[in-house]
Amino acid sequence: MSTRVVHGTAPTGAREVGAAFLDALEARAFTTARSLLADHVRFRMLLPGGFRTEADAEAAIGRF
């Protein structure tokens, strides 16, 4: 997956941000992935062990 974001500009649309977030995770660039999340993000995950929720960006990135 590749985003079409010009270097030096931040993604602005929901799809651009989502694609940039997934690209950062794929590259294991966790600092970049964290920078794309709002501090108060609610991160919901459906994992093999069940449903999980994190209530802030640091905890969400900590899952990876």
PDB file of N, CA and C in Angstrom:
ATOM      1  N   MET A   1       0.849  -1.169   0.000  1.00  0.00           N
ATOM      2  CA  MET A   1       0.000   0.000   0.000  1.00  0.00           C
ATOM      3  C   MET A   1       0.893   1.229   0.000  1.00  0.00           C
ATOM      4  N   SER A   2       0.484   2.226  -0.733  1.00  0.00           N
ATOM      5  CA  SER A   2       1.277   3.442  -0.808  1.00  0.00           C
ATOM      6  C   SER A   2       0.354   4.654  -0.814  1.00  0.00           C
ATOM      7  N   THR A   3       0.669   5.622   0.010  1.00  0.00           N
ATOM      8  CA  THR A   3      -0.114   6.848  -0.002  1.00  0.00           C
ATOM      9  C   THR A   3       0.458   7.791  -1.035  1.00  0.00           C
ATOM     10  N   ARG A   4      -0.364   8.695  -1.472  1.00  0.00           N
ATOM     11  CA  ARG A   4       0.086   9.693  -2.444  1.00  0.00           C
ATOM     12  C   ARG A   4       0.183  11.035  -1.756  1.00  0.00           C
ATOM     13  N   VAL A   5       0.992  11.086  -0.727  1.00  0.00           N
ATOM     14  CA  VAL A   5       1.186  12.302   0.045  1.00  0.00           C
ATOM     15  C   VAL A   5       2.531  12.896  -0.338  1.00  0.00           C
ATOM     16  N   VAL A   6       2.518  14.155  -0.672  1.00  0.00           N
ATOM     17  CA  VAL A   6       3.755  14.847  -1.029  1.00  0.00           C
ATOM     18  C   VAL A   6       4.550  15.092   0.236  1.00  0.00           C
ATOM     19  N   HIS A   7       5.851  14.821   0.198  1.00  0.00           N
ATOM     20  CA  HIS A   7       6.699  15.046   1.370  1.00  0.00           C
ATOM     21  C   HIS A   7       6.548  16.472   1.860  1.00  0.00           C
ATOM     22  N   GLY A   8       6.424  16.627   3.157  1.00  0.00           N
ATOM     23  CA  GLY A   8       6.306  17.954   3.746  1.00  0.00           C
ATOM     24  C   GLY A   8       4.876  18.410   3.940  1.00  0.00           C
ATOM     25  N   THR A   9       3.911  17.631   3.421  1.00  0.00           N
ATOM     26  CA  THR A   9       2.520  17.987   3.648  1.00  0.00           C
ATOM     27  C   THR A   9       1.846  16.863   4.408  1.00  0.00           C
ATOM     28  N   ALA A  10       1.032  17.230   5.343  1.00  0.00           N
ATOM     29  CA  ALA A  10       0.331  16.234   6.154  1.00  0.00           C
ATOM     30  C   ALA A  10      -0.944  15.793   5.431  1.00  0.00           C
ATOM     31  N   PRO A  11      -1.298  14.507   5.552  1.00  0.00           N
ATOM     32  CA  PRO A  11      -2.557  14.059   4.961  1.00  0.00           C
ATOM     33  C   PRO A  11      -3.715  14.754   5.669  1.00  0.00           C
ATOM     34  N   THR A  12      -4.767  15.087   4.935  1.00  0.00           N
ATOM     35  CA  THR A  12      -5.866  15.828   5.541  1.00  0.00           C
ATOM     36  C   THR A  12      -7.185  15.074   5.510  1.00  0.00           C
ATOM     37  N   GLY A  13      -7.459  14.338   4.464  1.00  0.00           N
ATOM     38  CA  GLY A  13      -8.713  13.609   4.368  1.00  0.00           C
ATOM     39  C   GLY A  13      -8.662  12.333   5.188  1.00  0.00           C
ATOM     40  N   ALA A  14      -9.838  11.835   5.570  1.00  0.00           N
ATOM     41  CA  ALA A  14      -9.915  10.624   6.390  1.00  0.00           C
ATOM     42  C   ALA A  14      -9.231   9.443   5.704  1.00  0.00           C
ATOM     43  N   ARG A  15      -9.441   9.291   4.414  1.00  0.00           N
ATOM     44  CA  ARG A  15      -8.815   8.177   3.693  1.00  0.00           C
ATOM     45  C   ARG A  15      -7.302   8.346   3.623  1.00  0.00           C
ATOM     46  N   GLU A  16      -6.847   9.577   3.398  1.00  0.00           N
ATOM     47  CA  GLU A  16      -5.399   9.832   3.363  1.00  0.00           C
ATOM     48  C   GLU A  16      -4.762   9.532   4.708  1.00  0.00           C
ATOM     49  N   VAL A  17      -5.392   9.975   5.776  1.00  0.00           N
ATOM     50  CA  VAL A  17      -4.856   9.732   7.120  1.00  0.00           C
ATOM     51  C   VAL A  17      -4.846   8.237   7.414  1.00  0.00           C
ATOM     52  N   GLY A  18      -5.940   7.549   7.089  1.00  0.00           N
ATOM     53  CA  GLY A  18      -6.004   6.105   7.308  1.00  0.00           C
ATOM     54  C   GLY A  18      -4.934   5.361   6.531  1.00  0.00           C
ATOM     55  N   ALA A  19      -4.743   5.738   5.264  1.00  0.00           N
ATOM     56  CA  ALA A  19      -3.720   5.088   4.437  1.00  0.00           C
ATOM     57  C   ALA A  19      -2.325   5.380   4.981  1.00  0.00           C
ATOM     58  N   ALA A  20      -2.086   6.621   5.390  1.00  0.00           N
ATOM     59  CA  ALA A  20      -0.770   6.979   5.949  1.00  0.00           C
ATOM     60  C   ALA A  20      -0.515   6.220   7.251  1.00  0.00           C
ATOM     61  N   PHE A  21      -1.562   6.046   8.073  1.00  0.00           N
ATOM     62  CA  PHE A  21      -1.435   5.299   9.327  1.00  0.00           C
ATOM     63  C   PHE A  21      -1.050   3.844   9.039  1.00  0.00           C
ATOM     64  N   LEU A  22      -1.744   3.210   8.100  1.00  0.00           N
ATOM     65  CA  LEU A  22      -1.425   1.822   7.758  1.00  0.00           C
ATOM     66  C   LEU A  22      -0.034   1.691   7.146  1.00  0.00           C
ATOM     67  N   ASP A  23       0.346   2.653   6.309  1.00  0.00           N
ATOM     68  CA  ASP A  23       1.702   2.638   5.744  1.00  0.00           C
ATOM     69  C   ASP A  23       2.751   2.734   6.846  1.00  0.00           C
ATOM     70  N   ALA A  24       2.501   3.598   7.831  1.00  0.00           N
ATOM     71  CA  ALA A  24       3.448   3.764   8.941  1.00  0.00           C
ATOM     72  C   ALA A  24       3.539   2.475   9.756  1.00  0.00           C
ATOM     73  N   LEU A  25       2.412   1.822  10.007  1.00  0.00           N
ATOM     74  CA  LEU A  25       2.450   0.553  10.745  1.00  0.00           C
ATOM     75  C   LEU A  25       3.214  -0.504   9.961  1.00  0.00           C
ATOM     76  N   GLU A  26       2.950  -0.573   8.655  1.00  0.00           N
ATOM     77  CA  GLU A  26       3.645  -1.553   7.824  1.00  0.00           C
ATOM     78  C   GLU A  26       5.155  -1.338   7.862  1.00  0.00           C
ATOM     79  N   ALA A  27       5.571  -0.084   7.905  1.00  0.00           N
ATOM     80  CA  ALA A  27       6.999   0.255   7.937  1.00  0.00           C
ATOM     81  C   ALA A  27       7.562   0.214   9.352  1.00  0.00           C
ATOM     82  N   ARG A  28       6.701  -0.081  10.323  1.00  0.00           N
ATOM     83  CA  ARG A  28       7.074  -0.097  11.742  1.00  0.00           C
ATOM     84  C   ARG A  28       7.594   1.270  12.189  1.00  0.00           C
ATOM     85  N   ALA A  29       7.025   2.311  11.604  1.00  0.00           N
ATOM     86  CA  ALA A  29       7.364   3.702  11.936  1.00  0.00           C
ATOM     87  C   ALA A  29       6.330   4.190  12.952  1.00  0.00           C
ATOM     88  N   PHE A  30       6.472   3.724  14.183  1.00  0.00           N
ATOM     89  CA  PHE A  30       5.469   3.969  15.206  1.00  0.00           C
ATOM     90  C   PHE A  30       5.361   5.439  15.607  1.00  0.00           C
ATOM     91  N   THR A  31       6.446   6.173  15.546  1.00  0.00           N
ATOM     92  CA  THR A  31       6.393   7.603  15.845  1.00  0.00           C
ATOM     93  C   THR A  31       5.525   8.313  14.807  1.00  0.00           C
ATOM     94  N   THR A  32       5.690   7.938  13.550  1.00  0.00           N
ATOM     95  CA  THR A  32       4.866   8.516  12.489  1.00  0.00           C
ATOM     96  C   THR A  32       3.412   8.122  12.667  1.00  0.00           C
ATOM     97  N   ALA A  33       3.167   6.851  12.948  1.00  0.00           N
ATOM     98  CA  ALA A  33       1.789   6.387  13.161  1.00  0.00           C
ATOM     99  C   ALA A  33       1.149   7.148  14.311  1.00  0.00           C
ATOM    100  N   ARG A  34       1.895   7.337  15.397  1.00  0.00           N
ATOM    101  CA  ARG A  34       1.370   8.067  16.559  1.00  0.00           C
ATOM    102  C   ARG A  34       1.027   9.501  16.190  1.00  0.00           C
ATOM    103  N   SER A  35       1.838  10.117  15.349  1.00  0.00           N
ATOM    104  CA  SER A  35       1.604  11.515  14.976  1.00  0.00           C
ATOM    105  C   SER A  35       0.318  11.700  14.176  1.00  0.00           C
ATOM    106  N   LEU A  36      -0.211  10.624  13.631  1.00  0.00           N
ATOM    107  CA  LEU A  36      -1.438  10.698  12.840  1.00  0.00           C
ATOM    108  C   LEU A  36      -2.696  10.520  13.681  1.00  0.00           C
ATOM    109  N   LEU A  37      -2.529  10.188  14.955  1.00  0.00           N
ATOM    110  CA  LEU A  37      -3.672   9.984  15.844  1.00  0.00           C
ATOM    111  C   LEU A  37      -3.911  11.204  16.726  1.00  0.00           C
ATOM    112  N   ALA A  38      -5.167  11.521  16.946  1.00  0.00           N
ATOM    113  CA  ALA A  38      -5.514  12.558  17.919  1.00  0.00           C
ATOM    114  C   ALA A  38      -5.198  12.024  19.310  1.00  0.00           C
ATOM    115  N   ASP A  39      -4.832  12.894  20.232  1.00  0.00           N
ATOM    116  CA  ASP A  39      -4.489  12.462  21.595  1.00  0.00           C
ATOM    117  C   ASP A  39      -5.621  11.689  22.252  1.00  0.00           C
ATOM    118  N   HIS A  40      -6.848  12.072  21.962  1.00  0.00           N
ATOM    119  CA  HIS A  40      -8.020  11.480  22.621  1.00  0.00           C
ATOM    120  C   HIS A  40      -8.708  10.405  21.763  1.00  0.00           C
ATOM    121  N   VAL A  41      -7.973   9.808  20.832  1.00  0.00           N
ATOM    122  CA  VAL A  41      -8.548   8.805  19.938  1.00  0.00           C
ATOM    123  C   VAL A  41      -9.116   7.628  20.734  1.00  0.00           C
ATOM    124  N   ARG A  42     -10.216   7.076  20.279  1.00  0.00           N
ATOM    125  CA  ARG A  42     -10.737   5.821  20.836  1.00  0.00           C
ATOM    126  C   ARG A  42     -10.460   4.764  19.772  1.00  0.00           C
ATOM    127  N   PHE A  43      -9.589   3.833  20.091  1.00  0.00           N
ATOM    128  CA  PHE A  43      -9.123   2.820  19.150  1.00  0.00           C
ATOM    129  C   PHE A  43      -9.828   1.512  19.474  1.00  0.00           C
ATOM    130  N   ARG A  44     -10.612   0.999  18.542  1.00  0.00           N
ATOM    131  CA  ARG A  44     -11.365  -0.240  18.758  1.00  0.00           C
ATOM    132  C   ARG A  44     -10.791  -1.341  17.893  1.00  0.00           C
ATOM    133  N   MET A  45     -10.562  -2.498  18.510  1.00  0.00           N
ATOM    134  CA  MET A  45      -9.935  -3.611  17.800  1.00  0.00           C
ATOM    135  C   MET A  45     -10.721  -4.894  18.041  1.00  0.00           C
ATOM    136  N   LEU A  46     -10.894  -5.655  16.991  1.00  0.00           N
ATOM    137  CA  LEU A  46     -11.465  -6.992  17.120  1.00  0.00           C
ATOM    138  C   LEU A  46     -10.318  -7.971  16.916  1.00  0.00           C
ATOM    139  N   LEU A  47      -9.887  -8.570  18.000  1.00  0.00           N
ATOM    140  CA  LEU A  47      -8.750  -9.481  18.004  1.00  0.00           C
ATOM    141  C   LEU A  47      -9.235 -10.907  18.239  1.00  0.00           C
ATOM    142  N   PRO A  48      -8.391 -11.900  17.939  1.00  0.00           N
ATOM    143  CA  PRO A  48      -8.812 -13.282  18.186  1.00  0.00           C
ATOM    144  C   PRO A  48      -9.282 -13.521  19.620  1.00  0.00           C
ATOM    145  N   GLY A  49      -8.719 -12.812  20.574  1.00  0.00           N
ATOM    146  CA  GLY A  49      -9.119 -12.971  21.970  1.00  0.00           C
ATOM    147  C   GLY A  49     -10.360 -12.174  22.351  1.00  0.00           C
ATOM    148  N   GLY A  50     -10.903 -11.404  21.426  1.00  0.00           N
ATOM    149  CA  GLY A  50     -12.106 -10.628  21.700  1.00  0.00           C
ATOM    150  C   GLY A  50     -11.939  -9.158  21.349  1.00  0.00           C
ATOM    151  N   PHE A  51     -12.936  -8.389  21.715  1.00  0.00           N
ATOM    152  CA  PHE A  51     -12.986  -6.963  21.437  1.00  0.00           C
ATOM    153  C   PHE A  51     -12.138  -6.197  22.448  1.00  0.00           C
ATOM    154  N   ARG A  52     -11.338  -5.252  21.977  1.00  0.00           N
ATOM    155  CA  ARG A  52     -10.496  -4.424  22.850  1.00  0.00           C
ATOM    156  C   ARG A  52     -10.662  -2.969  22.461  1.00  0.00           C
ATOM    157  N   THR A  53     -10.526  -2.083  23.437  1.00  0.00           N
ATOM    158  CA  THR A  53     -10.619  -0.643  23.209  1.00  0.00           C
ATOM    159  C   THR A  53      -9.503   0.056  23.964  1.00  0.00           C
ATOM    160  N   GLU A  54      -8.889   1.024  23.317  1.00  0.00           N
ATOM    161  CA  GLU A  54      -7.927   1.902  23.977  1.00  0.00           C
ATOM    162  C   GLU A  54      -8.480   3.315  23.905  1.00  0.00           C
ATOM    163  N   ALA A  55      -8.276   4.094  24.961  1.00  0.00           N
ATOM    164  CA  ALA A  55      -8.912   5.401  25.074  1.00  0.00           C
ATOM    165  C   ALA A  55      -7.999   6.577  24.752  1.00  0.00           C
ATOM    166  N   ASP A  56      -6.742   6.322  24.401  1.00  0.00           N
ATOM    167  CA  ASP A  56      -5.870   7.431  24.007  1.00  0.00           C
ATOM    168  C   ASP A  56      -4.812   6.934  23.026  1.00  0.00           C
ATOM    169  N   ALA A  57      -4.139   7.874  22.392  1.00  0.00           N
ATOM    170  CA  ALA A  57      -3.188   7.543  21.323  1.00  0.00           C
ATOM    171  C   ALA A  57      -1.996   6.733  21.824  1.00  0.00           C
ATOM    172  N   GLU A  58      -1.465   7.067  22.977  1.00  0.00           N
ATOM    173  CA  GLU A  58      -0.294   6.324  23.488  1.00  0.00           C
ATOM    174  C   GLU A  58      -0.638   4.860  23.716  1.00  0.00           C
ATOM    175  N   ALA A  59      -1.786   4.594  24.310  1.00  0.00           N
ATOM    176  CA  ALA A  59      -2.197   3.206  24.558  1.00  0.00           C
ATOM    177  C   ALA A  59      -2.465   2.485  23.247  1.00  0.00           C
ATOM    178  N   ALA A  60      -3.063   3.186  22.284  1.00  0.00           N
ATOM    179  CA  ALA A  60      -3.359   2.571  20.983  1.00  0.00           C
ATOM    180  C   ALA A  60      -2.064   2.160  20.294  1.00  0.00           C
ATOM    181  N   ILE A  61      -1.082   3.047  20.229  1.00  0.00           N
ATOM    182  CA  ILE A  61       0.185   2.718  19.589  1.00  0.00           C
ATOM    183  C   ILE A  61       0.918   1.639  20.384  1.00  0.00           C
ATOM    184  N   GLY A  62       0.733   1.616  21.680  1.00  0.00           N
ATOM    185  CA  GLY A  62       1.348   0.587  22.514  1.00  0.00           C
ATOM    186  C   GLY A  62       0.897  -0.823  22.142  1.00  0.00           C
ATOM    187  N   ARG A  63      -0.240  -0.937  21.484  1.00  0.00           N
ATOM    188  CA  ARG A  63      -0.731  -2.249  21.036  1.00  0.00           C
ATOM    189  C   ARG A  63       0.141  -2.838  19.935  1.00  0.00           C
ATOM    190  N   PHE A  64       0.907  -1.983  19.268  1.00  0.00           N
ATOM    191  CA  PHE A  64       1.732  -2.442  18.153  1.00  0.00           C
ATOM    192  C   PHE A  64       3.162  -2.599  18.592  1.00  0.00           C
TER     193      PHE A  64
END
